[in-house]
Amino acid sequence: MSYQIKHLILTHHAKAGENGTENEEDCGTDVIAIVEEEDDDGKIFQANYMASFYSYKHIASITHVHKKSGDFLDGAYFHDGNMVLVERCTEELIWQVVVDLIQLGEFGMVFKKI
């Protein structure tokens, strides 16, 4: 199966930085990848896939919140299906990650078809 990215949709769930702007280093975003697929018979079709991207710093923030709220055994663990960890939640970096996953043959293992 081969994939070609047509469009990425990011939902961004970011904490506001000191100046009120979005903090790309402390954020999470669901990413919907609209791709063209080619199956083994050469048939081309469009499909949508989804994965959740979190910055490393955002995982620490989430853990802190869960310790206070009691969720996830008081922050003892965290899970989110189809999770990818990144340095920053920028569209540019996420695009690069998706391309890399496709080139490595791992896109279908990380992204869930929706």
N, C-alpha and C. Protein backbone atom coordinates (compact mmCIF):
# COMPACT_ATOMS: atom_id res chain seq x y z
N MET A 1 0.86 -1.18 0.00
CA MET A 1 0.00 0.00 0.00
C MET A 1 0.89 1.23 0.00
N SER A 2 0.59 2.18 -0.86
CA SER A 2 1.34 3.43 -0.85
C SER A 2 0.39 4.58 -0.51
N TYR A 3 0.96 5.62 0.09
CA TYR A 3 0.17 6.77 0.54
C TYR A 3 0.78 8.05 -0.01
N GLN A 4 -0.10 9.00 -0.38
CA GLN A 4 0.34 10.33 -0.76
C GLN A 4 -0.52 11.32 0.01
N ILE A 5 0.12 12.19 0.78
CA ILE A 5 -0.62 13.16 1.59
C ILE A 5 -1.24 14.21 0.68
N LYS A 6 -2.52 14.45 0.87
CA LYS A 6 -3.21 15.52 0.16
C LYS A 6 -3.42 16.73 1.06
N HIS A 7 -3.71 16.47 2.35
CA HIS A 7 -4.00 17.56 3.27
C HIS A 7 -3.88 17.06 4.70
N LEU A 8 -3.42 17.91 5.61
CA LEU A 8 -3.41 17.61 7.04
C LEU A 8 -4.30 18.62 7.76
N ILE A 9 -5.09 18.13 8.68
CA ILE A 9 -5.94 18.99 9.52
C ILE A 9 -5.46 18.81 10.95
N LEU A 10 -5.09 19.91 11.61
CA LEU A 10 -4.62 19.89 13.00
C LEU A 10 -5.66 20.58 13.88
N THR A 11 -5.97 19.97 15.03
CA THR A 11 -6.97 20.54 15.93
C THR A 11 -6.36 21.42 17.02
N HIS A 12 -5.07 21.32 17.29
CA HIS A 12 -4.31 22.06 18.32
C HIS A 12 -5.06 22.27 19.63
N HIS A 13 -4.48 21.71 20.66
CA HIS A 13 -4.90 21.93 22.04
C HIS A 13 -3.65 22.43 22.75
N ALA A 14 -3.42 23.73 22.71
CA ALA A 14 -2.17 24.27 23.24
C ALA A 14 -2.44 25.18 24.42
N LYS A 15 -1.50 25.19 25.34
CA LYS A 15 -1.55 26.14 26.44
C LYS A 15 -1.09 27.50 25.91
N ALA A 16 -1.67 28.55 26.44
CA ALA A 16 -1.23 29.88 26.05
C ALA A 16 0.11 30.18 26.69
N GLY A 17 0.99 30.77 25.90
CA GLY A 17 2.29 31.18 26.41
C GLY A 17 2.18 32.46 27.22
N GLU A 18 3.31 32.98 27.66
CA GLU A 18 3.32 34.19 28.49
C GLU A 18 2.68 35.38 27.81
N ASN A 19 2.83 35.49 26.51
CA ASN A 19 2.27 36.63 25.79
C ASN A 19 0.89 36.33 25.21
N GLY A 20 0.28 35.22 25.64
CA GLY A 20 -1.06 34.88 25.20
C GLY A 20 -1.13 34.12 23.89
N THR A 21 0.01 33.91 23.25
CA THR A 21 0.01 33.15 22.00
C THR A 21 0.14 31.66 22.31
N GLU A 22 -0.16 30.86 21.32
CA GLU A 22 -0.11 29.42 21.46
C GLU A 22 1.32 28.94 21.73
N ASN A 23 1.47 28.04 22.69
CA ASN A 23 2.77 27.50 23.05
C ASN A 23 2.96 26.18 22.30
N GLU A 24 3.75 26.20 21.24
CA GLU A 24 3.95 25.02 20.40
C GLU A 24 4.75 23.93 21.10
N GLU A 25 5.44 24.28 22.19
CA GLU A 25 6.24 23.30 22.91
C GLU A 25 5.45 22.61 24.01
N ASP A 26 4.25 23.11 24.33
CA ASP A 26 3.40 22.50 25.35
C ASP A 26 1.99 22.37 24.78
N CYS A 27 1.85 21.41 23.86
CA CYS A 27 0.56 21.28 23.20
C CYS A 27 0.33 19.86 22.71
N GLY A 28 -0.90 19.63 22.35
CA GLY A 28 -1.30 18.39 21.72
C GLY A 28 -2.24 18.72 20.59
N THR A 29 -2.30 17.85 19.61
CA THR A 29 -3.21 18.08 18.50
C THR A 29 -3.59 16.75 17.87
N ASP A 30 -4.85 16.62 17.55
CA ASP A 30 -5.25 15.50 16.71
C ASP A 30 -4.92 15.89 15.28
N VAL A 31 -4.42 14.94 14.52
CA VAL A 31 -4.05 15.19 13.13
C VAL A 31 -4.86 14.26 12.25
N ILE A 32 -5.61 14.85 11.35
CA ILE A 32 -6.34 14.07 10.35
C ILE A 32 -5.57 14.21 9.04
N ALA A 33 -5.13 13.09 8.53
CA ALA A 33 -4.39 13.07 7.27
C ALA A 33 -5.34 12.58 6.17
N ILE A 34 -5.53 13.42 5.19
CA ILE A 34 -6.30 13.04 4.01
C ILE A 34 -5.28 12.60 2.97
N VAL A 35 -5.35 11.34 2.61
CA VAL A 35 -4.33 10.77 1.73
C VAL A 35 -4.96 10.08 0.53
N GLU A 36 -4.17 9.99 -0.52
CA GLU A 36 -4.50 9.13 -1.65
C GLU A 36 -3.76 7.84 -1.44
N GLU A 37 -4.46 6.74 -1.52
CA GLU A 37 -3.86 5.42 -1.35
C GLU A 37 -3.88 4.69 -2.68
N GLU A 38 -2.89 3.87 -2.85
CA GLU A 38 -2.88 2.96 -4.00
C GLU A 38 -2.76 1.55 -3.45
N ASP A 39 -3.75 0.73 -3.75
CA ASP A 39 -3.71 -0.64 -3.23
C ASP A 39 -2.82 -1.51 -4.12
N ASP A 40 -2.71 -2.76 -3.76
CA ASP A 40 -1.82 -3.67 -4.47
C ASP A 40 -2.23 -3.89 -5.92
N ASP A 41 -3.49 -3.62 -6.26
CA ASP A 41 -3.98 -3.78 -7.63
C ASP A 41 -3.85 -2.50 -8.45
N GLY A 42 -3.26 -1.45 -7.84
CA GLY A 42 -3.08 -0.19 -8.56
C GLY A 42 -4.27 0.73 -8.48
N LYS A 43 -5.32 0.35 -7.75
CA LYS A 43 -6.50 1.20 -7.59
C LYS A 43 -6.18 2.35 -6.64
N ILE A 44 -6.51 3.58 -7.04
CA ILE A 44 -6.24 4.77 -6.24
C ILE A 44 -7.55 5.27 -5.65
N PHE A 45 -7.53 5.57 -4.35
CA PHE A 45 -8.70 6.10 -3.67
C PHE A 45 -8.27 7.02 -2.55
N GLN A 46 -9.19 7.86 -2.08
CA GLN A 46 -8.88 8.79 -0.99
C GLN A 46 -9.39 8.21 0.32
N ALA A 47 -8.62 8.42 1.39
CA ALA A 47 -9.01 7.93 2.71
C ALA A 47 -8.53 8.91 3.77
N ASN A 48 -9.18 8.87 4.93
CA ASN A 48 -8.82 9.74 6.05
C ASN A 48 -8.26 8.89 7.19
N TYR A 49 -7.19 9.39 7.80
CA TYR A 49 -6.53 8.72 8.92
C TYR A 49 -6.35 9.73 10.05
N MET A 50 -6.24 9.22 11.28
CA MET A 50 -6.10 10.10 12.43
C MET A 50 -5.05 9.57 13.40
N ALA A 51 -4.29 10.50 13.99
CA ALA A 51 -3.35 10.19 15.08
C ALA A 51 -3.32 11.40 16.00
N SER A 52 -2.91 11.18 17.24
CA SER A 52 -2.78 12.26 18.21
C SER A 52 -1.31 12.57 18.43
N PHE A 53 -0.95 13.83 18.27
CA PHE A 53 0.42 14.28 18.46
C PHE A 53 0.50 15.09 19.75
N TYR A 54 1.51 14.81 20.56
CA TYR A 54 1.75 15.53 21.80
C TYR A 54 3.20 15.95 21.85
N SER A 55 3.45 17.17 22.34
CA SER A 55 4.84 17.57 22.59
C SER A 55 5.29 16.87 23.87
N TYR A 56 6.59 16.68 23.97
CA TYR A 56 7.16 16.05 25.16
C TYR A 56 6.76 16.84 26.42
N LYS A 57 6.83 18.16 26.32
CA LYS A 57 6.51 19.01 27.47
C LYS A 57 5.04 18.87 27.86
N HIS A 58 4.17 18.68 26.86
CA HIS A 58 2.74 18.56 27.15
C HIS A 58 2.45 17.28 27.95
N ILE A 59 3.20 16.23 27.71
CA ILE A 59 3.02 15.00 28.48
C ILE A 59 3.30 15.29 29.96
N ALA A 60 4.34 16.06 30.24
CA ALA A 60 4.64 16.44 31.63
C ALA A 60 3.50 17.27 32.21
N SER A 61 2.95 18.19 31.43
CA SER A 61 1.83 19.02 31.90
C SER A 61 0.59 18.17 32.17
N ILE A 62 0.32 17.24 31.28
CA ILE A 62 -0.84 16.35 31.45
C ILE A 62 -0.66 15.50 32.71
N THR A 63 0.54 14.99 32.92
CA THR A 63 0.82 14.17 34.10
C THR A 63 0.59 14.98 35.37
N HIS A 64 1.03 16.23 35.38
CA HIS A 64 0.83 17.10 36.54
C HIS A 64 -0.67 17.29 36.83
N VAL A 65 -1.45 17.53 35.79
CA VAL A 65 -2.90 17.69 35.95
C VAL A 65 -3.53 16.41 36.48
N HIS A 66 -3.11 15.27 35.96
CA HIS A 66 -3.68 14.00 36.39
C HIS A 66 -3.32 13.66 37.84
N LYS A 67 -2.15 14.09 38.29
CA LYS A 67 -1.77 13.88 39.70
C LYS A 67 -2.73 14.62 40.62
N LYS A 68 -3.17 15.80 40.18
CA LYS A 68 -4.11 16.60 40.98
C LYS A 68 -5.54 16.09 40.86
N SER A 69 -5.92 15.66 39.65
CA SER A 69 -7.32 15.26 39.41
C SER A 69 -7.60 13.82 39.81
N GLY A 70 -6.55 13.02 39.89
CA GLY A 70 -6.74 11.61 40.20
C GLY A 70 -6.92 10.73 38.97
N ASP A 71 -6.99 11.35 37.81
CA ASP A 71 -7.14 10.58 36.58
C ASP A 71 -5.90 9.73 36.32
N PHE A 72 -6.07 8.65 35.60
CA PHE A 72 -4.97 7.76 35.22
C PHE A 72 -4.14 7.35 36.44
N LEU A 73 -4.86 6.89 37.46
CA LEU A 73 -4.23 6.45 38.72
C LEU A 73 -3.32 7.54 39.28
N ASP A 74 -3.90 8.73 39.41
CA ASP A 74 -3.16 9.88 39.95
C ASP A 74 -1.92 10.21 39.13
N GLY A 75 -2.02 10.08 37.82
CA GLY A 75 -0.91 10.42 36.94
C GLY A 75 0.15 9.35 36.82
N ALA A 76 -0.16 8.13 37.29
CA ALA A 76 0.82 7.04 37.24
C ALA A 76 1.05 6.55 35.81
N TYR A 77 0.09 6.79 34.93
CA TYR A 77 0.24 6.39 33.53
C TYR A 77 -0.59 7.32 32.66
N PHE A 78 -0.40 7.21 31.36
CA PHE A 78 -1.19 7.96 30.39
C PHE A 78 -1.23 7.17 29.11
N HIS A 79 -2.35 7.20 28.43
CA HIS A 79 -2.44 6.57 27.12
C HIS A 79 -3.36 7.39 26.23
N ASP A 80 -3.12 7.29 24.99
CA ASP A 80 -3.99 7.86 23.97
C ASP A 80 -3.72 7.05 22.72
N GLY A 81 -4.74 6.50 22.13
CA GLY A 81 -4.55 5.68 20.95
C GLY A 81 -3.85 6.45 19.84
N ASN A 82 -2.99 5.77 19.14
CA ASN A 82 -2.30 6.34 17.99
C ASN A 82 -1.54 7.61 18.34
N MET A 83 -0.78 7.55 19.44
CA MET A 83 -0.06 8.72 19.94
C MET A 83 1.34 8.81 19.33
N VAL A 84 1.71 10.04 18.97
CA VAL A 84 3.05 10.35 18.47
C VAL A 84 3.60 11.49 19.32
N LEU A 85 4.83 11.37 19.79
CA LEU A 85 5.47 12.42 20.56
C LEU A 85 6.40 13.23 19.66
N VAL A 86 6.32 14.56 19.80
CA VAL A 86 7.13 15.47 18.99
C VAL A 86 7.71 16.56 19.87
N GLU A 87 8.73 17.22 19.36
CA GLU A 87 9.34 18.34 20.08
C GLU A 87 8.38 19.52 20.19
N ARG A 88 7.74 19.83 19.07
CA ARG A 88 6.82 20.97 18.97
C ARG A 88 5.63 20.58 18.12
N CYS A 89 4.51 21.20 18.37
CA CYS A 89 3.31 20.93 17.56
C CYS A 89 3.16 22.00 16.48
N THR A 90 4.10 22.02 15.55
CA THR A 90 3.98 22.94 14.42
C THR A 90 3.53 22.14 13.21
N GLU A 91 2.82 22.81 12.34
CA GLU A 91 2.35 22.14 11.13
C GLU A 91 3.54 21.63 10.31
N GLU A 92 4.60 22.43 10.26
CA GLU A 92 5.79 22.04 9.49
C GLU A 92 6.41 20.75 10.02
N LEU A 93 6.61 20.66 11.34
CA LEU A 93 7.21 19.47 11.92
C LEU A 93 6.29 18.26 11.77
N ILE A 94 5.00 18.47 12.01
CA ILE A 94 4.06 17.35 11.90
C ILE A 94 4.04 16.83 10.47
N TRP A 95 4.05 17.73 9.50
CA TRP A 95 4.10 17.31 8.09
C TRP A 95 5.35 16.46 7.84
N GLN A 96 6.51 16.90 8.37
CA GLN A 96 7.75 16.15 8.20
C GLN A 96 7.66 14.77 8.83
N VAL A 97 7.04 14.69 10.01
CA VAL A 97 6.88 13.41 10.70
C VAL A 97 6.01 12.47 9.87
N VAL A 98 4.90 12.98 9.34
CA VAL A 98 4.00 12.14 8.54
C VAL A 98 4.72 11.63 7.30
N VAL A 99 5.45 12.49 6.62
CA VAL A 99 6.22 12.07 5.44
C VAL A 99 7.23 11.00 5.83
N ASP A 100 7.92 11.19 6.96
CA ASP A 100 8.90 10.22 7.42
C ASP A 100 8.24 8.88 7.72
N LEU A 101 7.08 8.90 8.38
CA LEU A 101 6.37 7.65 8.67
C LEU A 101 5.99 6.91 7.38
N ILE A 102 5.58 7.67 6.38
CA ILE A 102 5.24 7.04 5.09
C ILE A 102 6.50 6.42 4.47
N GLN A 103 7.60 7.17 4.47
CA GLN A 103 8.85 6.66 3.88
C GLN A 103 9.38 5.44 4.61
N LEU A 104 9.17 5.38 5.93
CA LEU A 104 9.62 4.24 6.73
C LEU A 104 8.66 3.05 6.65
N GLY A 105 7.50 3.26 6.01
CA GLY A 105 6.50 2.20 5.92
C GLY A 105 5.72 2.02 7.22
N GLU A 106 5.68 3.04 8.07
CA GLU A 106 5.05 2.93 9.38
C GLU A 106 3.77 3.76 9.51
N PHE A 107 3.38 4.46 8.46
CA PHE A 107 2.19 5.32 8.53
C PHE A 107 0.96 4.52 8.97
N GLY A 108 0.72 3.38 8.37
CA GLY A 108 -0.46 2.58 8.68
C GLY A 108 -0.44 1.97 10.08
N MET A 109 0.73 1.92 10.71
CA MET A 109 0.83 1.41 12.09
C MET A 109 0.53 2.52 13.09
N VAL A 110 0.78 3.77 12.72
CA VAL A 110 0.62 4.90 13.63
C VAL A 110 -0.75 5.55 13.46
N PHE A 111 -1.16 5.78 12.22
CA PHE A 111 -2.43 6.44 11.95
C PHE A 111 -3.55 5.42 11.83
N LYS A 112 -4.70 5.75 12.41
CA LYS A 112 -5.87 4.89 12.37
C LYS A 112 -6.82 5.40 11.27
N LYS A 113 -7.28 4.49 10.44
CA LYS A 113 -8.22 4.86 9.38
C LYS A 113 -9.56 5.23 10.01
N ILE A 114 -10.12 6.37 9.57
CA ILE A 114 -11.42 6.81 10.12
C ILE A 114 -12.45 6.94 9.02
